Amino acid sequence: MKKKIIEEYNDRIALRYDLAEKGKFKETPTGKIIEKLLPLVKKEDLILDLGCGTGKSAKPFIRKGCKVIGVDISSKMLKIAKKKLKKKFWKLYKCDIEKGLNFKDNYFDVVLASWVLEFVKNIEKTVKEMARITKRNSYIAFTYELWKKDYKIQSKKESSLGKGLLKPIPKLLSFKVYRHTPKEIEKILIKNNLKKISHEKFISCSYSKPPEKIPVFYGMIISQKR
């Protein structure tokens, strides 16, 4: 089966991925989720890490004694995660989350998605799936890219990743980024019976236009299934 462009992109950057969270990239969506979510989880909690990448977001939860299942669209990212964490993941799966989450209802204590949902066309469908597989009174946490009409690089509801960075846009950067307002996200929470615990905005230099790093505006949700 032919790879999605986003899968090809992540396979290509897998070996350099961890370097993207150093220096000006230090304050990332991943770090924000860990900071807020880690105090809420308990030892032995079963956690699903959507878009686990090379395992950065999972590592603190594994250290706390949680059982973490990681899924990612990139087989090369998963290979690095397995090697780096010395098989400490409970399980790892290759998965395109846009096609659904193949887990039982009410299964996880925590579901998290960092630096992921901005690449999902139908975020409402994915959050609904996240809610379905999460136990009652358990946690769902995710980041998303904000739609900001007054900020050129984020002024469109959807655009190619390379839009505003390179001309012409290389094929590898032509996959879409989808943006949302805080009100849109909070409506999705209500529809899926998720209680908002925390909803914050922050900036991360997540895009690069050599030789500069470009600030990107994000939102972060910590919620609890009722």
Protein backbone atom coordinates (compact mmCIF):
# COMPACT_ATOMS: atom_id res chain seq x y z
CA MET A 1 0.00 0.00 0.00
CA LYS A 2 1.29 3.45 -0.93
CA LYS A 3 2.46 5.54 2.01
CA LYS A 4 0.70 8.76 2.96
CA ILE A 5 2.92 11.81 2.53
CA ILE A 6 2.82 12.46 6.29
CA GLU A 7 4.00 8.89 6.89
CA GLU A 8 6.84 9.33 4.44
CA TYR A 9 7.75 12.66 6.08
CA ASN A 10 7.91 11.12 9.57
CA ASP A 11 9.93 8.16 8.34
CA ARG A 12 12.36 10.61 6.78
CA ILE A 13 12.85 12.74 9.91
CA ALA A 14 12.82 9.88 12.44
CA LEU A 15 16.58 9.81 13.03
CA ARG A 16 16.69 13.59 13.61
CA TYR A 17 13.36 13.96 15.43
CA ASP A 18 14.67 14.25 18.99
CA LEU A 19 16.98 17.11 17.97
CA ALA A 20 13.87 19.14 17.09
CA GLU A 21 13.10 19.58 20.79
CA LYS A 22 16.36 21.19 21.78
CA GLY A 23 17.47 24.82 21.70
CA LYS A 24 14.70 27.10 20.42
CA PHE A 25 12.40 24.11 20.10
CA LYS A 26 12.70 23.28 23.81
CA GLU A 27 9.20 24.39 24.88
CA THR A 28 7.07 21.98 22.90
CA PRO A 29 3.50 20.69 22.98
CA THR A 30 4.89 17.43 24.38
CA GLY A 31 6.48 19.14 27.37
CA LYS A 32 3.28 21.03 28.14
CA ILE A 33 1.16 17.88 28.23
CA ILE A 34 3.65 16.03 30.44
CA GLU A 35 3.78 18.94 32.91
CA LYS A 36 0.00 19.03 33.37
CA LEU A 37 -0.90 15.36 33.03
CA LEU A 38 1.83 13.56 34.97
CA PRO A 39 0.56 14.61 38.45
CA LEU A 40 -2.91 13.22 37.58
CA VAL A 41 -1.87 9.69 36.62
CA LYS A 42 -1.29 6.76 38.95
CA LYS A 43 1.13 3.88 38.91
CA GLU A 44 -0.23 0.99 36.82
CA ASP A 45 -2.52 3.29 34.80
CA LEU A 46 -2.97 2.10 31.21
CA ILE A 47 -2.09 4.95 28.85
CA LEU A 48 -2.51 5.27 25.10
CA ASP A 49 0.02 7.63 23.47
CA LEU A 50 -1.31 8.62 20.04
CA GLY A 51 1.48 9.64 17.69
CA CYS A 52 4.09 8.46 20.17
CA GLY A 53 6.98 9.24 17.81
CA THR A 54 10.31 8.21 19.30
CA GLY A 55 8.88 7.85 22.81
CA LYS A 56 9.59 11.26 24.36
CA SER A 57 6.03 11.77 25.63
CA ALA A 58 5.78 8.22 26.99
CA LYS A 59 9.05 8.18 28.92
CA PRO A 60 7.94 10.07 32.09
CA PHE A 61 4.80 7.93 32.39
CA ILE A 62 6.78 4.70 31.99
CA ARG A 63 9.16 5.90 34.72
CA LYS A 64 6.16 6.47 36.99
CA GLY A 65 5.14 2.84 36.55
CA CYS A 66 2.35 3.26 34.01
CA LYS A 67 1.68 0.78 31.22
CA VAL A 68 1.98 2.69 27.95
CA ILE A 69 0.74 1.60 24.55
CA GLY A 70 2.22 3.71 21.75
CA VAL A 71 0.85 4.09 18.25
CA ASP A 72 2.34 6.00 15.34
CA ILE A 73 1.96 6.17 11.57
CA SER A 74 5.74 5.87 11.12
CA SER A 75 7.37 2.45 11.42
CA LYS A 76 10.79 4.12 11.68
CA MET A 77 9.66 6.27 14.62
CA LEU A 78 8.34 3.15 16.35
CA LYS A 79 11.61 1.32 15.78
CA ILE A 80 13.55 4.13 17.48
CA ALA A 81 11.04 4.28 20.36
CA LYS A 82 11.43 0.55 20.97
CA LYS A 83 15.22 0.76 20.92
CA LYS A 84 15.48 3.94 23.00
CA LEU A 85 13.18 2.77 25.77
CA LYS A 86 14.61 -0.76 25.76
CA LYS A 87 11.24 -2.45 25.19
CA LYS A 88 9.63 -0.67 28.16
CA PHE A 89 6.53 0.18 26.18
CA TRP A 90 3.78 -2.27 27.02
CA LYS A 91 2.94 -2.49 23.32
CA LEU A 92 3.68 -0.57 20.12
CA TYR A 93 1.47 -0.49 17.04
CA LYS A 94 1.70 1.08 13.61
CA CYS A 95 -1.57 2.95 13.15
CA ASP A 96 -3.19 5.69 11.06
CA ILE A 97 -5.43 7.29 13.69
CA GLU A 98 -7.62 8.91 11.03
CA LYS A 99 -8.93 5.43 10.24
CA GLY A 100 -10.08 4.86 13.82
CA LEU A 101 -8.67 3.35 17.00
CA ASN A 102 -8.90 -0.41 17.20
CA PHE A 103 -9.34 -0.73 20.97
CA LYS A 104 -12.23 -1.77 23.21
CA ASP A 105 -14.66 0.73 24.74
CA ASN A 106 -13.75 2.10 28.19
CA TYR A 107 -10.28 0.55 28.07
CA PHE A 108 -7.71 3.23 28.95
CA ASP A 109 -7.07 5.31 32.06
CA VAL A 110 -5.44 8.04 29.96
CA VAL A 111 -5.38 8.88 26.25
CA LEU A 112 -2.97 11.57 25.09
CA ALA A 113 -2.10 13.10 21.74
CA SER A 114 0.71 15.63 21.55
CA TRP A 115 1.69 17.37 18.30
CA VAL A 116 -0.74 15.12 16.42
CA LEU A 117 -4.31 16.36 16.02
CA GLU A 118 -3.37 19.33 13.83
CA PHE A 119 -2.67 16.74 11.13
CA VAL A 120 -6.08 15.05 11.46
CA LYS A 121 -8.72 16.30 9.04
CA ASN A 122 -11.70 15.42 11.24
CA ILE A 123 -10.63 16.22 14.79
CA GLU A 124 -14.17 15.75 16.08
CA LYS A 125 -14.22 12.14 14.87
CA THR A 126 -10.84 11.42 16.47
CA VAL A 127 -11.75 13.00 19.83
CA LYS A 128 -14.97 10.94 19.78
CA GLU A 129 -12.86 7.80 19.31
CA MET A 130 -10.53 8.90 22.12
CA ALA A 131 -13.55 9.33 24.40
CA ARG A 132 -14.99 5.95 23.42
CA ILE A 133 -11.91 4.01 24.48
CA THR A 134 -11.35 5.96 27.74
CA LYS A 135 -12.84 4.81 31.06
CA ARG A 136 -15.27 7.02 32.96
CA ASN A 137 -13.57 9.56 35.24
CA SER A 138 -10.33 9.07 33.30
CA TYR A 139 -8.30 11.59 31.31
CA ILE A 140 -7.97 12.74 27.72
CA ALA A 141 -5.24 15.25 26.90
CA PHE A 142 -4.23 16.75 23.57
CA THR A 143 -2.68 19.75 21.87
CA TYR A 144 -3.94 21.43 18.72
CA GLU A 145 -2.84 24.25 16.46
CA LEU A 146 -4.78 27.49 16.83
CA TRP A 147 -6.52 29.25 13.98
CA LYS A 148 -5.36 32.87 14.12
CA LYS A 149 -6.72 35.08 11.34
CA ASP A 150 -4.28 37.88 12.17
CA TYR A 151 -1.14 35.71 12.02
CA LYS A 152 -0.04 34.94 8.48
CA ILE A 153 1.32 31.45 8.96
CA GLN A 154 -1.84 30.33 10.83
CA SER A 155 -4.42 32.51 9.08
CA LYS A 156 -6.01 29.63 7.13
CA LYS A 157 -8.20 26.92 8.64
CA GLU A 158 -6.17 24.44 6.64
CA SER A 159 -2.99 24.71 4.61
CA SER A 160 0.01 22.67 3.57
CA LEU A 161 2.72 22.32 6.22
CA GLY A 162 5.17 24.11 3.92
CA LYS A 163 2.85 27.07 3.21
CA GLY A 164 4.69 30.31 4.00
CA LEU A 165 7.95 28.47 4.58
CA LEU A 166 9.17 27.42 1.15
CA LYS A 167 8.36 28.18 -2.49
CA PRO A 168 7.57 26.00 -4.24
CA ILE A 169 6.28 23.69 -1.51
CA PRO A 170 8.15 20.36 -1.64
CA LYS A 171 5.98 17.26 -1.92
CA LEU A 172 7.23 16.07 1.46
CA LEU A 173 5.78 19.21 3.11
CA SER A 174 2.51 19.23 1.16
CA PHE A 175 0.37 17.36 3.71
CA LYS A 176 -2.28 19.42 5.47
CA VAL A 177 -2.34 21.20 8.82
CA TYR A 178 -5.82 21.79 10.30
CA ARG A 179 -6.44 24.62 12.77
CA HIS A 180 -9.19 25.34 15.28
CA THR A 181 -10.43 28.00 17.68
CA PRO A 182 -10.73 27.31 21.42
CA LYS A 183 -14.53 27.61 21.14
CA GLU A 184 -14.63 24.92 18.45
CA ILE A 185 -12.58 22.58 20.61
CA GLU A 186 -14.70 23.18 23.71
CA LYS A 187 -17.86 22.37 21.74
CA ILE A 188 -16.29 19.04 20.78
CA LEU A 189 -15.55 18.33 24.45
CA ILE A 190 -19.18 19.00 25.40
CA LYS A 191 -20.49 16.75 22.60
CA ASN A 192 -18.36 13.89 23.89
CA ASN A 193 -19.21 14.31 27.57
CA LEU A 194 -15.71 15.48 28.45
CA LYS A 195 -15.24 17.85 31.37
CA LYS A 196 -12.62 20.54 30.78
CA ILE A 197 -10.00 20.57 33.51
CA SER A 198 -7.52 22.86 31.81
CA HIS A 199 -7.44 24.75 28.51
CA GLU A 200 -4.30 26.78 27.87
CA LYS A 201 -2.65 28.62 25.01
CA PHE A 202 1.09 28.64 24.44
CA ILE A 203 3.72 29.34 21.81
CA SER A 204 6.26 26.87 20.46
CA CYS A 205 8.83 27.44 17.72
CA SER A 206 7.63 24.40 15.82
CA TYR A 207 8.22 25.58 12.25
CA SER A 208 11.56 26.28 10.68
CA LYS A 209 12.30 28.67 7.83
CA PRO A 210 16.09 28.62 7.59
CA PRO A 211 17.84 30.30 9.25
CA GLU A 212 14.98 31.28 11.60
CA LYS A 213 12.56 29.44 13.85
CA ILE A 214 8.94 30.55 13.52
CA PRO A 215 6.60 30.81 16.54
CA VAL A 216 3.42 28.73 16.32
CA PHE A 217 0.37 29.21 18.55
CA TYR A 218 -1.14 26.12 20.19
CA GLY A 219 -3.91 25.16 22.53
CA MET A 220 -3.73 22.37 25.11
CA ILE A 221 -6.64 20.47 26.63
CA ILE A 222 -6.72 18.34 29.77
CA SER A 223 -10.19 16.80 30.14
CA GLN A 224 -11.96 14.10 32.11
CA LYS A 225 -14.60 11.71 30.80
CA ARG A 226 -17.78 12.00 32.82
